[in-house]
Amino acid sequence: SSDVCSSDLDSMVINFNYPGTDSIQRTVSTTEGHAIDDLTGFLSGQKKTPSKCSLDGDLQFYQKGTLIGTIVFSYATDSCKQFVIVEQDGTFHSLSMSNKAKDLLSSLQQGRSWY
């Protein structure tokens, strides 16, 4: 949600799912400000209706130990590169995912560090 981009975030957890499932394959977390800023920086662009795609994982944003937002993502295929944001009123929309965001998420899923 818009809270995620404007808040004073201090940690983030990324869960990657096994392909085509809701089961978590890998979890990556960070408290590094630049890493959090990089990922929240990708959450811009035109809002649109989410494509029907399998969900490849989610981003969980924390402030002082409290979960303040979760954004799910898809990136397995080029037609399904998106972040899906659920607002507090239950509505949802998607933002297209840049190739740079996809590359970062892919490398994290493969076990590489942030940089």
PDB file of N, CA and C in Angstrom:
ATOM      1  N   SER A   1       0.844  -1.187   0.000  1.00  0.00           N
ATOM      2  CA  SER A   1       0.000   0.000   0.000  1.00  0.00           C
ATOM      3  C   SER A   1       0.878   1.233   0.000  1.00  0.00           C
ATOM      4  N   SER A   2       0.241   2.391  -0.073  1.00  0.00           N
ATOM      5  CA  SER A   2       1.014   3.619  -0.078  1.00  0.00           C
ATOM      6  C   SER A   2       1.764   3.778   1.240  1.00  0.00           C
ATOM      7  N   ASP A   3       1.282   3.140   2.320  1.00  0.00           N
ATOM      8  CA  ASP A   3       1.994   3.178   3.605  1.00  0.00           C
ATOM      9  C   ASP A   3       3.416   2.647   3.454  1.00  0.00           C
ATOM     10  N   VAL A   4       3.563   1.620   2.636  1.00  0.00           N
ATOM     11  CA  VAL A   4       4.843   0.950   2.498  1.00  0.00           C
ATOM     12  C   VAL A   4       5.894   1.901   1.941  1.00  0.00           C
ATOM     13  N   CYS A   5       5.511   2.752   1.008  1.00  0.00           N
ATOM     14  CA  CYS A   5       6.491   3.620   0.367  1.00  0.00           C
ATOM     15  C   CYS A   5       6.816   4.850   1.192  1.00  0.00           C
ATOM     16  N   SER A   6       5.926   5.253   2.074  1.00  0.00           N
ATOM     17  CA  SER A   6       6.143   6.510   2.781  1.00  0.00           C
ATOM     18  C   SER A   6       6.611   6.312   4.217  1.00  0.00           C
ATOM     19  N   SER A   7       6.535   5.099   4.712  1.00  0.00           N
ATOM     20  CA  SER A   7       6.854   4.872   6.120  1.00  0.00           C
ATOM     21  C   SER A   7       8.345   4.764   6.360  1.00  0.00           C
ATOM     22  N   ASP A   8       8.702   4.841   7.611  1.00  0.00           N
ATOM     23  CA  ASP A   8      10.072   4.685   8.040  1.00  0.00           C
ATOM     24  C   ASP A   8      10.309   3.193   8.280  1.00  0.00           C
ATOM     25  N   LEU A   9      10.587   2.462   7.208  1.00  0.00           N
ATOM     26  CA  LEU A   9      10.723   1.015   7.305  1.00  0.00           C
ATOM     27  C   LEU A   9      12.066   0.653   7.903  1.00  0.00           C
ATOM     28  N   ASP A  10      12.095  -0.400   8.716  1.00  0.00           N
ATOM     29  CA  ASP A  10      13.390  -0.807   9.251  1.00  0.00           C
ATOM     30  C   ASP A  10      13.753  -2.251   8.916  1.00  0.00           C
ATOM     31  N   SER A  11      12.821  -3.016   8.373  1.00  0.00           N
ATOM     32  CA  SER A  11      13.185  -4.352   7.912  1.00  0.00           C
ATOM     33  C   SER A  11      12.189  -4.848   6.877  1.00  0.00           C
ATOM     34  N   MET A  12      12.630  -5.854   6.142  1.00  0.00           N
ATOM     35  CA  MET A  12      11.817  -6.397   5.068  1.00  0.00           C
ATOM     36  C   MET A  12      12.125  -7.881   4.946  1.00  0.00           C
ATOM     37  N   VAL A  13      11.079  -8.661   4.673  1.00  0.00           N
ATOM     38  CA  VAL A  13      11.213 -10.096   4.448  1.00  0.00           C
ATOM     39  C   VAL A  13      10.644 -10.388   3.063  1.00  0.00           C
ATOM     40  N   ILE A  14      11.381 -11.182   2.293  1.00  0.00           N
ATOM     41  CA  ILE A  14      10.886 -11.618   0.983  1.00  0.00           C
ATOM     42  C   ILE A  14      10.733 -13.127   1.036  1.00  0.00           C
ATOM     43  N   ASN A  15       9.528 -13.595   0.740  1.00  0.00           N
ATOM     44  CA  ASN A  15       9.258 -15.026   0.656  1.00  0.00           C
ATOM     45  C   ASN A  15       9.139 -15.410  -0.810  1.00  0.00           C
ATOM     46  N   PHE A  16       9.865 -16.443  -1.215  1.00  0.00           N
ATOM     47  CA  PHE A  16       9.770 -16.971  -2.578  1.00  0.00           C
ATOM     48  C   PHE A  16       9.063 -18.311  -2.518  1.00  0.00           C
ATOM     49  N   ASN A  17       8.063 -18.498  -3.377  1.00  0.00           N
ATOM     50  CA  ASN A  17       7.291 -19.738  -3.394  1.00  0.00           C
ATOM     51  C   ASN A  17       7.901 -20.751  -4.353  1.00  0.00           C
ATOM     52  N   TYR A  18       7.662 -22.037  -4.061  1.00  0.00           N
ATOM     53  CA  TYR A  18       7.936 -23.057  -5.062  1.00  0.00           C
ATOM     54  C   TYR A  18       7.054 -22.748  -6.262  1.00  0.00           C
ATOM     55  N   PRO A  19       7.547 -22.937  -7.496  1.00  0.00           N
ATOM     56  CA  PRO A  19       6.754 -22.581  -8.682  1.00  0.00           C
ATOM     57  C   PRO A  19       5.351 -23.178  -8.670  1.00  0.00           C
ATOM     58  N   GLY A  20       4.372 -22.326  -8.896  1.00  0.00           N
ATOM     59  CA  GLY A  20       2.988 -22.769  -9.005  1.00  0.00           C
ATOM     60  C   GLY A  20       2.325 -23.146  -7.698  1.00  0.00           C
ATOM     61  N   THR A  21       2.947 -22.814  -6.563  1.00  0.00           N
ATOM     62  CA  THR A  21       2.360 -23.171  -5.271  1.00  0.00           C
ATOM     63  C   THR A  21       2.377 -21.963  -4.333  1.00  0.00           C
ATOM     64  N   ASP A  22       1.758 -22.128  -3.168  1.00  0.00           N
ATOM     65  CA  ASP A  22       1.825 -21.118  -2.115  1.00  0.00           C
ATOM     66  C   ASP A  22       2.842 -21.518  -1.044  1.00  0.00           C
ATOM     67  N   SER A  23       3.594 -22.578  -1.295  1.00  0.00           N
ATOM     68  CA  SER A  23       4.566 -23.060  -0.310  1.00  0.00           C
ATOM     69  C   SER A  23       5.871 -22.284  -0.451  1.00  0.00           C
ATOM     70  N   ILE A  24       6.399 -21.844   0.670  1.00  0.00           N
ATOM     71  CA  ILE A  24       7.606 -21.017   0.653  1.00  0.00           C
ATOM     72  C   ILE A  24       8.844 -21.889   0.437  1.00  0.00           C
ATOM     73  N   GLN A  25       9.635 -21.511  -0.571  1.00  0.00           N
ATOM     74  CA  GLN A  25      10.864 -22.220  -0.919  1.00  0.00           C
ATOM     75  C   GLN A  25      12.073 -21.564  -0.258  1.00  0.00           C
ATOM     76  N   ARG A  26      12.083 -20.234  -0.212  1.00  0.00           N
ATOM     77  CA  ARG A  26      13.225 -19.510   0.338  1.00  0.00           C
ATOM     78  C   ARG A  26      12.720 -18.203   0.948  1.00  0.00           C
ATOM     79  N   THR A  27      13.338 -17.814   2.053  1.00  0.00           N
ATOM     80  CA  THR A  27      13.028 -16.537   2.689  1.00  0.00           C
ATOM     81  C   THR A  27      14.315 -15.734   2.810  1.00  0.00           C
ATOM     82  N   VAL A  28      14.241 -14.471   2.433  1.00  0.00           N
ATOM     83  CA  VAL A  28      15.375 -13.556   2.524  1.00  0.00           C
ATOM     84  C   VAL A  28      14.917 -12.365   3.352  1.00  0.00           C
ATOM     85  N   SER A  29      15.752 -11.917   4.286  1.00  0.00           N
ATOM     86  CA  SER A  29      15.364 -10.729   5.056  1.00  0.00           C
ATOM     87  C   SER A  29      16.521  -9.747   5.100  1.00  0.00           C
ATOM     88  N   THR A  30      16.193  -8.490   5.325  1.00  0.00           N
ATOM     89  CA  THR A  30      17.234  -7.474   5.431  1.00  0.00           C
ATOM     90  C   THR A  30      16.782  -6.355   6.350  1.00  0.00           C
ATOM     91  N   THR A  31      17.751  -5.728   6.973  1.00  0.00           N
ATOM     92  CA  THR A  31      17.499  -4.498   7.733  1.00  0.00           C
ATOM     93  C   THR A  31      18.316  -3.360   7.124  1.00  0.00           C
ATOM     94  N   GLU A  32      18.926  -3.606   5.961  1.00  0.00           N
ATOM     95  CA  GLU A  32      19.750  -2.587   5.313  1.00  0.00           C
ATOM     96  C   GLU A  32      18.874  -1.570   4.612  1.00  0.00           C
ATOM     97  N   GLY A  33      19.059  -0.315   5.002  1.00  0.00           N
ATOM     98  CA  GLY A  33      18.229   0.747   4.440  1.00  0.00           C
ATOM     99  C   GLY A  33      18.306   0.850   2.933  1.00  0.00           C
ATOM    100  N   HIS A  34      19.514   0.727   2.366  1.00  0.00           N
ATOM    101  CA  HIS A  34      19.632   0.881   0.913  1.00  0.00           C
ATOM    102  C   HIS A  34      18.908  -0.238   0.174  1.00  0.00           C
ATOM    103  N   ALA A  35      18.912  -1.435   0.736  1.00  0.00           N
ATOM    104  CA  ALA A  35      18.226  -2.557   0.097  1.00  0.00           C
ATOM    105  C   ALA A  35      16.712  -2.347   0.138  1.00  0.00           C
ATOM    106  N   ILE A  36      16.211  -1.887   1.279  1.00  0.00           N
ATOM    107  CA  ILE A  36      14.777  -1.606   1.409  1.00  0.00           C
ATOM    108  C   ILE A  36      14.386  -0.470   0.456  1.00  0.00           C
ATOM    109  N   ASP A  37      15.216   0.577   0.409  1.00  0.00           N
ATOM    110  CA  ASP A  37      14.931   1.704  -0.490  1.00  0.00           C
ATOM    111  C   ASP A  37      14.912   1.256  -1.946  1.00  0.00           C
ATOM    112  N   ASP A  38      15.855   0.382  -2.314  1.00  0.00           N
ATOM    113  CA  ASP A  38      15.896  -0.100  -3.698  1.00  0.00           C
ATOM    114  C   ASP A  38      14.599  -0.810  -4.051  1.00  0.00           C
ATOM    115  N   LEU A  39      14.156  -1.693  -3.171  1.00  0.00           N
ATOM    116  CA  LEU A  39      12.945  -2.441  -3.508  1.00  0.00           C
ATOM    117  C   LEU A  39      11.700  -1.569  -3.478  1.00  0.00           C
ATOM    118  N   THR A  40      11.576  -0.690  -2.478  1.00  0.00           N
ATOM    119  CA  THR A  40      10.395   0.172  -2.465  1.00  0.00           C
ATOM    120  C   THR A  40      10.437   1.136  -3.648  1.00  0.00           C
ATOM    121  N   GLY A  41      11.647   1.456  -4.120  1.00  0.00           N
ATOM    122  CA  GLY A  41      11.768   2.322  -5.286  1.00  0.00           C
ATOM    123  C   GLY A  41      11.174   1.717  -6.545  1.00  0.00           C
ATOM    124  N   PHE A  42      11.091   0.384  -6.590  1.00  0.00           N
ATOM    125  CA  PHE A  42      10.487  -0.282  -7.746  1.00  0.00           C
ATOM    126  C   PHE A  42       8.961  -0.235  -7.713  1.00  0.00           C
ATOM    127  N   LEU A  43       8.391   0.177  -6.578  1.00  0.00           N
ATOM    128  CA  LEU A  43       6.932   0.145  -6.416  1.00  0.00           C
ATOM    129  C   LEU A  43       6.327   1.461  -6.878  1.00  0.00           C
ATOM    130  N   SER A  44       6.524   1.746  -8.145  1.00  0.00           N
ATOM    131  CA  SER A  44       5.956   2.967  -8.712  1.00  0.00           C
ATOM    132  C   SER A  44       5.407   2.601 -10.081  1.00  0.00           C
ATOM    133  N   GLY A  45       4.854   3.568 -10.746  1.00  0.00           N
ATOM    134  CA  GLY A  45       4.309   3.277 -12.062  1.00  0.00           C
ATOM    135  C   GLY A  45       2.805   3.312 -12.043  1.00  0.00           C
ATOM    136  N   GLN A  46       2.261   2.965 -13.169  1.00  0.00           N
ATOM    137  CA  GLN A  46       0.827   3.078 -13.363  1.00  0.00           C
ATOM    138  C   GLN A  46       0.094   1.916 -12.712  1.00  0.00           C
ATOM    139  N   LYS A  47      -0.949   2.261 -11.962  1.00  0.00           N
ATOM    140  CA  LYS A  47      -1.776   1.219 -11.352  1.00  0.00           C
ATOM    141  C   LYS A  47      -2.659   0.603 -12.432  1.00  0.00           C
ATOM    142  N   LYS A  48      -2.805  -0.712 -12.373  1.00  0.00           N
ATOM    143  CA  LYS A  48      -3.678  -1.381 -13.326  1.00  0.00           C
ATOM    144  C   LYS A  48      -4.310  -2.597 -12.678  1.00  0.00           C
ATOM    145  N   THR A  49      -5.199  -3.242 -13.404  1.00  0.00           N
ATOM    146  CA  THR A  49      -5.836  -4.450 -12.896  1.00  0.00           C
ATOM    147  C   THR A  49      -4.840  -5.599 -12.978  1.00  0.00           C
ATOM    148  N   PRO A  50      -4.665  -6.353 -11.897  1.00  0.00           N
ATOM    149  CA  PRO A  50      -3.689  -7.445 -11.927  1.00  0.00           C
ATOM    150  C   PRO A  50      -4.013  -8.486 -12.987  1.00  0.00           C
ATOM    151  N   SER A  51      -2.975  -8.990 -13.650  1.00  0.00           N
ATOM    152  CA  SER A  51      -3.136 -10.116 -14.568  1.00  0.00           C
ATOM    153  C   SER A  51      -3.343 -11.367 -13.735  1.00  0.00           C
ATOM    154  N   LYS A  52      -4.020 -12.343 -14.318  1.00  0.00           N
ATOM    155  CA  LYS A  52      -4.198 -13.610 -13.609  1.00  0.00           C
ATOM    156  C   LYS A  52      -2.914 -14.419 -13.784  1.00  0.00           C
ATOM    157  N   CYS A  53      -2.110 -14.440 -12.749  1.00  0.00           N
ATOM    158  CA  CYS A  53      -0.813 -15.107 -12.799  1.00  0.00           C
ATOM    159  C   CYS A  53      -0.608 -15.856 -11.491  1.00  0.00           C
ATOM    160  N   SER A  54       0.237 -16.875 -11.542  1.00  0.00           N
ATOM    161  CA  SER A  54       0.574 -17.512 -10.279  1.00  0.00           C
ATOM    162  C   SER A  54       1.445 -16.548  -9.485  1.00  0.00           C
ATOM    163  N   LEU A  55       1.333 -16.598  -8.191  1.00  0.00           N
ATOM    164  CA  LEU A  55       2.105 -15.701  -7.337  1.00  0.00           C
ATOM    165  C   LEU A  55       3.420 -16.359  -6.982  1.00  0.00           C
ATOM    166  N   ASP A  56       4.502 -15.643  -7.239  1.00  0.00           N
ATOM    167  CA  ASP A  56       5.827 -16.213  -7.029  1.00  0.00           C
ATOM    168  C   ASP A  56       6.393 -15.905  -5.651  1.00  0.00           C
ATOM    169  N   GLY A  57       5.721 -15.032  -4.896  1.00  0.00           N
ATOM    170  CA  GLY A  57       6.187 -14.725  -3.555  1.00  0.00           C
ATOM    171  C   GLY A  57       5.578 -13.446  -3.039  1.00  0.00           C
ATOM    172  N   ASP A  58       6.110 -12.964  -1.922  1.00  0.00           N
ATOM    173  CA  ASP A  58       5.614 -11.719  -1.358  1.00  0.00           C
ATOM    174  C   ASP A  58       6.727 -10.968  -0.642  1.00  0.00           C
ATOM    175  N   LEU A  59       6.507  -9.667  -0.523  1.00  0.00           N
ATOM    176  CA  LEU A  59       7.384  -8.761   0.216  1.00  0.00           C
ATOM    177  C   LEU A  59       6.626  -8.348   1.464  1.00  0.00           C
ATOM    178  N   GLN A  60       7.265  -8.438   2.620  1.00  0.00           N
ATOM    179  CA  GLN A  60       6.639  -8.012   3.873  1.00  0.00           C
ATOM    180  C   GLN A  60       7.496  -6.894   4.456  1.00  0.00           C
ATOM    181  N   PHE A  61       6.856  -5.768   4.734  1.00  0.00           N
ATOM    182  CA  PHE A  61       7.566  -4.587   5.223  1.00  0.00           C
ATOM    183  C   PHE A  61       7.251  -4.361   6.698  1.00  0.00           C
ATOM    184  N   TYR A  62       8.292  -4.096   7.481  1.00  0.00           N
ATOM    185  CA  TYR A  62       8.141  -3.943   8.928  1.00  0.00           C
ATOM    186  C   TYR A  62       8.668  -2.598   9.397  1.00  0.00           C
ATOM    187  N   GLN A  63       8.009  -2.110  10.438  1.00  0.00           N
ATOM    188  CA  GLN A  63       8.442  -0.897  11.122  1.00  0.00           C
ATOM    189  C   GLN A  63       8.388  -1.196  12.613  1.00  0.00           C
ATOM    190  N   LYS A  64       9.550  -1.143  13.269  1.00  0.00           N
ATOM    191  CA  LYS A  64       9.651  -1.443  14.701  1.00  0.00           C
ATOM    192  C   LYS A  64       9.013  -2.785  15.049  1.00  0.00           C
ATOM    193  N   GLY A  65       9.253  -3.797  14.206  1.00  0.00           N
ATOM    194  CA  GLY A  65       8.759  -5.136  14.481  1.00  0.00           C
ATOM    195  C   GLY A  65       7.311  -5.393  14.118  1.00  0.00           C
ATOM    196  N   THR A  66       6.616  -4.363  13.609  1.00  0.00           N
ATOM    197  CA  THR A  66       5.209  -4.517  13.244  1.00  0.00           C
ATOM    198  C   THR A  66       5.075  -4.585  11.728  1.00  0.00           C
ATOM    199  N   LEU A  67       4.366  -5.587  11.240  1.00  0.00           N
ATOM    200  CA  LEU A  67       4.114  -5.717   9.813  1.00  0.00           C
ATOM    201  C   LEU A  67       3.193  -4.582   9.378  1.00  0.00           C
ATOM    202  N   ILE A  68       3.664  -3.759   8.446  1.00  0.00           N
ATOM    203  CA  ILE A  68       2.810  -2.649   8.001  1.00  0.00           C
ATOM    204  C   ILE A  68       2.332  -2.814   6.572  1.00  0.00           C
ATOM    205  N   GLY A  69       2.833  -3.813   5.858  1.00  0.00           N
ATOM    206  CA  GLY A  69       2.341  -4.015   4.502  1.00  0.00           C
ATOM    207  C   GLY A  69       2.918  -5.264   3.875  1.00  0.00           C
ATOM    208  N   THR A  70       2.108  -5.910   3.047  1.00  0.00           N
ATOM    209  CA  THR A  70       2.541  -7.071   2.278  1.00  0.00           C
ATOM    210  C   THR A  70       2.174  -6.826   0.823  1.00  0.00           C
ATOM    211  N   ILE A  71       3.125  -7.078  -0.052  1.00  0.00           N
ATOM    212  CA  ILE A  71       2.898  -6.928  -1.486  1.00  0.00           C
ATOM    213  C   ILE A  71       3.296  -8.241  -2.133  1.00  0.00           C
ATOM    214  N   VAL A  72       2.383  -8.844  -2.890  1.00  0.00           N
ATOM    215  CA  VAL A  72       2.713 -10.095  -3.561  1.00  0.00           C
ATOM    216  C   VAL A  72       3.275  -9.786  -4.946  1.00  0.00           C
ATOM    217  N   PHE A  73       4.012 -10.735  -5.492  1.00  0.00           N
ATOM    218  CA  PHE A  73       4.593 -10.485  -6.806  1.00  0.00           C
ATOM    219  C   PHE A  73       4.590 -11.730  -7.662  1.00  0.00           C
ATOM    220  N   SER A  74       4.626 -11.486  -8.977  1.00  0.00           N
ATOM    221  CA  SER A  74       4.770 -12.523  -9.995  1.00  0.00           C
ATOM    222  C   SER A  74       5.882 -12.076 -10.918  1.00  0.00           C
ATOM    223  N   TYR A  75       6.731 -13.005 -11.327  1.00  0.00           N
ATOM    224  CA  TYR A  75       7.762 -12.626 -12.294  1.00  0.00           C
ATOM    225  C   TYR A  75       8.275 -13.790 -13.124  1.00  0.00           C
ATOM    226  N   ALA A  76       7.619 -14.931 -13.027  1.00  0.00           N
ATOM    227  CA  ALA A  76       8.124 -16.133 -13.694  1.00  0.00           C
ATOM    228  C   ALA A  76       8.110 -16.003 -15.214  1.00  0.00           C
ATOM    229  N   THR A  77       7.150 -15.284 -15.751  1.00  0.00           N
ATOM    230  CA  THR A  77       7.088 -15.092 -17.206  1.00  0.00           C
ATOM    231  C   THR A  77       6.982 -13.605 -17.502  1.00  0.00           C
ATOM    232  N   ASP A  78       7.385 -13.220 -18.717  1.00  0.00           N
ATOM    233  CA  ASP A  78       7.368 -11.798 -19.067  1.00  0.00           C
ATOM    234  C   ASP A  78       5.965 -11.214 -19.040  1.00  0.00           C
ATOM    235  N   SER A  79       4.955 -12.034 -19.319  1.00  0.00           N
ATOM    236  CA  SER A  79       3.581 -11.517 -19.304  1.00  0.00           C
ATOM    237  C   SER A  79       3.053 -11.375 -17.886  1.00  0.00           C
ATOM    238  N   CYS A  80       3.792 -11.895 -16.915  1.00  0.00           N
ATOM    239  CA  CYS A  80       3.340 -11.874 -15.522  1.00  0.00           C
ATOM    240  C   CYS A  80       4.329 -11.165 -14.601  1.00  0.00           C
ATOM    241  N   LYS A  81       4.945 -10.091 -15.057  1.00  0.00           N
ATOM    242  CA  LYS A  81       5.849  -9.356 -14.172  1.00  0.00           C
ATOM    243  C   LYS A  81       5.042  -8.251 -13.494  1.00  0.00           C
ATOM    244  N   GLN A  82       4.691  -8.464 -12.237  1.00  0.00           N
ATOM    245  CA  GLN A  82       3.864  -7.471 -11.553  1.00  0.00           C
ATOM    246  C   GLN A  82       4.004  -7.577 -10.041  1.00  0.00           C
ATOM    247  N   PHE A  83       3.755  -6.445  -9.394  1.00  0.00           N
ATOM    248  CA  PHE A  83       3.568  -6.386  -7.946  1.00  0.00           C
ATOM    249  C   PHE A  83       2.077  -6.191  -7.739  1.00  0.00           C
ATOM    250  N   VAL A  84       1.464  -6.944  -6.831  1.00  0.00           N
ATOM    251  CA  VAL A  84       0.037  -6.792  -6.544  1.00  0.00           C
ATOM    252  C   VAL A  84      -0.098  -6.233  -5.136  1.00  0.00           C
ATOM    253  N   ILE A  85      -0.758  -5.093  -5.050  1.00  0.00           N
ATOM    254  CA  ILE A  85      -0.890  -4.359  -3.796  1.00  0.00           C
ATOM    255  C   ILE A  85      -2.338  -4.411  -3.343  1.00  0.00           C
ATOM    256  N   VAL A  86      -2.548  -4.881  -2.117  1.00  0.00           N
ATOM    257  CA  VAL A  86      -3.888  -4.919  -1.533  1.00  0.00           C
ATOM    258  C   VAL A  86      -3.997  -3.727  -0.589  1.00  0.00           C
ATOM    259  N   GLU A  87      -4.948  -2.859  -0.842  1.00  0.00           N
ATOM    260  CA  GLU A  87      -5.143  -1.691   0.012  1.00  0.00           C
ATOM    261  C   GLU A  87      -5.934  -2.083   1.256  1.00  0.00           C
ATOM    262  N   GLN A  88      -5.936  -1.192   2.247  1.00  0.00           N
ATOM    263  CA  GLN A  88      -6.609  -1.519   3.507  1.00  0.00           C
ATOM    264  C   GLN A  88      -8.112  -1.705   3.343  1.00  0.00           C
ATOM    265  N   ASP A  89      -8.701  -1.102   2.300  1.00  0.00           N
ATOM    266  CA  ASP A  89     -10.147  -1.270   2.094  1.00  0.00           C
ATOM    267  C   ASP A  89     -10.473  -2.558   1.331  1.00  0.00           C
ATOM    268  N   GLY A  90      -9.433  -3.369   1.028  1.00  0.00           N
ATOM    269  CA  GLY A  90      -9.670  -4.646   0.366  1.00  0.00           C
ATOM    270  C   GLY A  90      -9.566  -4.587  -1.146  1.00  0.00           C
ATOM    271  N   THR A  91      -9.481  -3.395  -1.727  1.00  0.00           N
ATOM    272  CA  THR A  91      -9.293  -3.307  -3.172  1.00  0.00           C
ATOM    273  C   THR A  91      -7.844  -3.636  -3.496  1.00  0.00           C
ATOM    274  N   PHE A  92      -7.599  -4.018  -4.725  1.00  0.00           N
ATOM    275  CA  PHE A  92      -6.213  -4.300  -5.095  1.00  0.00           C
ATOM    276  C   PHE A  92      -5.946  -3.868  -6.529  1.00  0.00           C
ATOM    277  N   HIS A  93      -4.690  -3.617  -6.785  1.00  0.00           N
ATOM    278  CA  HIS A  93      -4.236  -3.228  -8.114  1.00  0.00           C
ATOM    279  C   HIS A  93      -2.817  -3.735  -8.290  1.00  0.00           C
ATOM    280  N   SER A  94      -2.327  -3.641  -9.502  1.00  0.00           N
ATOM    281  CA  SER A  94      -0.958  -4.089  -9.721  1.00  0.00           C
ATOM    282  C   SER A  94      -0.122  -2.961 -10.299  1.00  0.00           C
ATOM    283  N   LEU A  95       1.172  -3.111 -10.139  1.00  0.00           N
ATOM    284  CA  LEU A  95       2.151  -2.228 -10.748  1.00  0.00           C
ATOM    285  C   LEU A  95       3.058  -3.119 -11.579  1.00  0.00           C
ATOM    286  N   SER A  96       3.395  -2.678 -12.780  1.00  0.00           N
ATOM    287  CA  SER A  96       4.270  -3.523 -13.580  1.00  0.00           C
ATOM    288  C   SER A  96       5.656  -3.555 -12.952  1.00  0.00           C
ATOM    289  N   MET A  97       6.328  -4.661 -13.124  1.00  0.00           N
ATOM    290  CA  MET A  97       7.651  -4.874 -12.549  1.00  0.00           C
ATOM    291  C   MET A  97       8.700  -4.627 -13.631  1.00  0.00           C
ATOM    292  N   SER A  98       9.670  -3.813 -13.307  1.00  0.00           N
ATOM    293  CA  SER A  98      10.749  -3.538 -14.259  1.00  0.00           C
ATOM    294  C   SER A  98      11.668  -4.750 -14.372  1.00  0.00           C
ATOM    295  N   ASN A  99      12.446  -4.783 -15.442  1.00  0.00           N
ATOM    296  CA  ASN A  99      13.429  -5.861 -15.586  1.00  0.00           C
ATOM    297  C   ASN A  99      14.450  -5.811 -14.461  1.00  0.00           C
ATOM    298  N   LYS A 100      14.791  -4.602 -14.014  1.00  0.00           N
ATOM    299  CA  LYS A 100      15.776  -4.465 -12.932  1.00  0.00           C
ATOM    300  C   LYS A 100      15.233  -5.086 -11.641  1.00  0.00           C
ATOM    301  N   ALA A 101      13.949  -4.853 -11.354  1.00  0.00           N
ATOM    302  CA  ALA A 101      13.327  -5.450 -10.167  1.00  0.00           C
ATOM    303  C   ALA A 101      13.293  -6.969 -10.297  1.00  0.00           C
ATOM    304  N   LYS A 102      12.937  -7.446 -11.486  1.00  0.00           N
ATOM    305  CA  LYS A 102      12.897  -8.895 -11.704  1.00  0.00           C
ATOM    306  C   LYS A 102      14.277  -9.496 -11.503  1.00  0.00           C
ATOM    307  N   ASP A 103      15.303  -8.835 -12.037  1.00  0.00           N
ATOM    308  CA  ASP A 103      16.669  -9.358 -11.904  1.00  0.00           C
ATOM    309  C   ASP A 103      17.094  -9.434 -10.443  1.00  0.00           C
ATOM    310  N   LEU A 104      16.752  -8.399  -9.662  1.00  0.00           N
ATOM    311  CA  LEU A 104      17.109  -8.399  -8.237  1.00  0.00           C
ATOM    312  C   LEU A 104      16.403  -9.546  -7.519  1.00  0.00           C
ATOM    313  N   LEU A 105      15.105  -9.685  -7.734  1.00  0.00           N
ATOM    314  CA  LEU A 105      14.355 -10.760  -7.078  1.00  0.00           C
ATOM    315  C   LEU A 105      14.877 -12.134  -7.505  1.00  0.00           C
ATOM    316  N   SER A 106      15.169 -12.292  -8.799  1.00  0.00           N
ATOM    317  CA  SER A 106      15.673 -13.580  -9.293  1.00  0.00           C
ATOM    318  C   SER A 106      16.992 -13.944  -8.622  1.00  0.00           C
ATOM    319  N   SER A 107      17.885 -12.955  -8.494  1.00  0.00           N
ATOM    320  CA  SER A 107      19.185 -13.259  -7.897  1.00  0.00           C
ATOM    321  C   SER A 107      19.043 -13.578  -6.414  1.00  0.00           C
ATOM    322  N   LEU A 108      18.127 -12.901  -5.722  1.00  0.00           N
ATOM    323  CA  LEU A 108      17.892 -13.207  -4.307  1.00  0.00           C
ATOM    324  C   LEU A 108      17.313 -14.613  -4.160  1.00  0.00           C
ATOM    325  N   GLN A 109      16.407 -14.974  -5.068  1.00  0.00           N
ATOM    326  CA  GLN A 109      15.815 -16.310  -4.994  1.00  0.00           C
ATOM    327  C   GLN A 109      16.880 -17.381  -5.192  1.00  0.00           C
ATOM    328  N   GLN A 110      17.876 -17.075  -6.016  1.00  0.00           N
ATOM    329  CA  GLN A 110      18.927 -18.048  -6.292  1.00  0.00           C
ATOM    330  C   GLN A 110      19.997 -18.070  -5.200  1.00  0.00           C
ATOM    331  N   GLY A 111      19.809 -17.259  -4.162  1.00  0.00           N
ATOM    332  CA  GLY A 111      20.700 -17.335  -3.021  1.00  0.00           C
ATOM    333  C   GLY A 111      21.830 -16.320  -3.023  1.00  0.00           C
ATOM    334  N   ARG A 112      21.808 -15.403  -3.986  1.00  0.00           N
ATOM    335  CA  ARG A 112      22.837 -14.376  -4.004  1.00  0.00           C
ATOM    336  C   ARG A 112      22.491 -13.297  -2.984  1.00  0.00           C
ATOM    337  N   SER A 113      23.480 -12.510  -2.619  1.00  0.00           N
ATOM    338  CA  SER A 113      23.223 -11.414  -1.684  1.00  0.00           C
ATOM    339  C   SER A 113      22.684 -10.218  -2.468  1.00  0.00           C
ATOM    340  N   TRP A 114      22.382  -9.145  -1.758  1.00  0.00           N
ATOM    341  CA  TRP A 114      21.742  -7.986  -2.393  1.00  0.00           C
ATOM    342  C   TRP A 114      22.554  -7.409  -3.530  1.00  0.00           C
ATOM    343  N   TYR A 115      23.885  -7.407  -3.382  1.00  0.00           N
ATOM    344  CA  TYR A 115      24.696  -6.781  -4.440  1.00  0.00           C
ATOM    345  C   TYR A 115      25.860  -7.662  -4.809  1.00  0.00           C
TER     346      TYR A 115
END
